[in-house]
């Protein structure tokens, strides 16, 4: 039997501006910048690990404007 208690929230909201409000940053901006940089470095390392040596040389060459590194 469904619960008909009107005091419980149904998850629905009323009104025209029902968009959720953005949350405040929880992490200090300096710490967030360090986290972002570390993730970028980790991502670059993972890309290098997944590519064969010859393919990695080609990618490096393309990033350098076609000049061999």
C-alpha atoms as a PDB file:
ATOM      1  CA  UNK A   1       0.000   0.000   0.000  1.00  0.00           C
ATOM      2  CA  UNK A   2       1.530   3.381  -0.954  1.00  0.00           C
ATOM      3  CA  UNK A   3       2.392   5.827   1.784  1.00  0.00           C
ATOM      4  CA  UNK A   4       0.092   8.843   1.574  1.00  0.00           C
ATOM      5  CA  UNK A   5       1.803  10.915   4.243  1.00  0.00           C
ATOM      6  CA  UNK A   6       1.953  14.476   2.802  1.00  0.00           C
ATOM      7  CA  UNK A   7       4.754  15.421   5.216  1.00  0.00           C
ATOM      8  CA  UNK A   8       7.218  13.162   3.384  1.00  0.00           C
ATOM      9  CA  UNK A   9       9.088  14.587   0.433  1.00  0.00           C
ATOM     10  CA  UNK A  10       8.357  13.014  -2.934  1.00  0.00           C
ATOM     11  CA  UNK A  11      11.493  14.435  -4.526  1.00  0.00           C
ATOM     12  CA  UNK A  12       9.369  16.715  -6.661  1.00  0.00           C
ATOM     13  CA  UNK A  13       9.480  20.460  -6.312  1.00  0.00           C
ATOM     14  CA  UNK A  14       7.046  23.099  -7.370  1.00  0.00           C
ATOM     15  CA  UNK A  15       7.635  26.439  -9.012  1.00  0.00           C
ATOM     16  CA  UNK A  16       9.277  27.734 -12.148  1.00  0.00           C
ATOM     17  CA  UNK A  17      12.875  27.936 -10.882  1.00  0.00           C
ATOM     18  CA  UNK A  18      13.381  24.370  -9.723  1.00  0.00           C
ATOM     19  CA  UNK A  19      17.007  24.065 -10.874  1.00  0.00           C
ATOM     20  CA  UNK A  20      19.253  22.815  -8.078  1.00  0.00           C
ATOM     21  CA  UNK A  21      21.475  25.438  -6.556  1.00  0.00           C
ATOM     22  CA  UNK A  22      25.202  24.936  -7.122  1.00  0.00           C
ATOM     23  CA  UNK A  23      27.153  23.690  -4.148  1.00  0.00           C
ATOM     24  CA  UNK A  24      29.872  25.775  -2.583  1.00  0.00           C
ATOM     25  CA  UNK A  25      33.426  24.540  -3.185  1.00  0.00           C
ATOM     26  CA  UNK A  26      34.434  22.163  -0.429  1.00  0.00           C
ATOM     27  CA  UNK A  27      38.141  22.118  -1.270  1.00  0.00           C
ATOM     28  CA  UNK A  28      40.540  25.035  -0.879  1.00  0.00           C
ATOM     29  CA  UNK A  29      41.263  26.541  -4.349  1.00  0.00           C
ATOM     30  CA  UNK A  30      45.029  26.036  -3.955  1.00  0.00           C
ATOM     31  CA  UNK A  31      44.506  22.396  -3.042  1.00  0.00           C
ATOM     32  CA  UNK A  32      42.066  21.995  -5.952  1.00  0.00           C
ATOM     33  CA  UNK A  33      44.711  23.378  -8.329  1.00  0.00           C
ATOM     34  CA  UNK A  34      47.267  20.873  -7.012  1.00  0.00           C
ATOM     35  CA  UNK A  35      44.782  18.023  -7.411  1.00  0.00           C
ATOM     36  CA  UNK A  36      44.001  19.094 -10.984  1.00  0.00           C
ATOM     37  CA  UNK A  37      47.690  19.289 -11.886  1.00  0.00           C
ATOM     38  CA  UNK A  38      48.390  15.869 -10.370  1.00  0.00           C
ATOM     39  CA  UNK A  39      45.496  14.369 -12.316  1.00  0.00           C
ATOM     40  CA  UNK A  40      46.808  15.926 -15.545  1.00  0.00           C
ATOM     41  CA  UNK A  41      50.263  14.463 -14.918  1.00  0.00           C
ATOM     42  CA  UNK A  42      48.810  11.054 -14.085  1.00  0.00           C
ATOM     43  CA  UNK A  43      46.675  11.148 -17.230  1.00  0.00           C
ATOM     44  CA  UNK A  44      49.722  11.967 -19.377  1.00  0.00           C
ATOM     45  CA  UNK A  45      51.633   9.069 -17.824  1.00  0.00           C
ATOM     46  CA  UNK A  46      48.746   6.685 -18.478  1.00  0.00           C
ATOM     47  CA  UNK A  47      48.611   7.796 -22.098  1.00  0.00           C
ATOM     48  CA  UNK A  48      52.315   7.078 -22.513  1.00  0.00           C
ATOM     49  CA  UNK A  49      51.976   3.649 -20.921  1.00  0.00           C
ATOM     50  CA  UNK A  50      49.100   2.644 -23.196  1.00  0.00           C
ATOM     51  CA  UNK A  51      50.852   3.575 -26.455  1.00  0.00           C
ATOM     52  CA  UNK A  52      53.568   1.588 -28.146  1.00  0.00           C
ATOM     53  CA  UNK A  53      56.921   3.336 -28.480  1.00  0.00           C
ATOM     54  CA  UNK A  54      56.534   3.996 -32.211  1.00  0.00           C
ATOM     55  CA  UNK A  55      53.024   5.371 -31.748  1.00  0.00           C
ATOM     56  CA  UNK A  56      54.188   7.538 -28.848  1.00  0.00           C
ATOM     57  CA  UNK A  57      56.950   8.988 -31.072  1.00  0.00           C
ATOM     58  CA  UNK A  58      54.326   9.819 -33.677  1.00  0.00           C
ATOM     59  CA  UNK A  59      52.100  11.514 -31.092  1.00  0.00           C
ATOM     60  CA  UNK A  60      55.060  13.534 -29.794  1.00  0.00           C
ATOM     61  CA  UNK A  61      55.911  14.542 -33.340  1.00  0.00           C
ATOM     62  CA  UNK A  62      52.361  15.694 -33.996  1.00  0.00           C
ATOM     63  CA  UNK A  63      52.319  17.692 -30.767  1.00  0.00           C
ATOM     64  CA  UNK A  64      55.558  19.418 -31.812  1.00  0.00           C
ATOM     65  CA  UNK A  65      54.067  20.550 -35.108  1.00  0.00           C
ATOM     66  CA  UNK A  66      55.468  17.661 -37.151  1.00  0.00           C
ATOM     67  CA  UNK A  67      59.079  18.181 -36.073  1.00  0.00           C
ATOM     68  CA  UNK A  68      60.928  15.133 -34.718  1.00  0.00           C
ATOM     69  CA  UNK A  69      61.796  15.414 -31.043  1.00  0.00           C
END
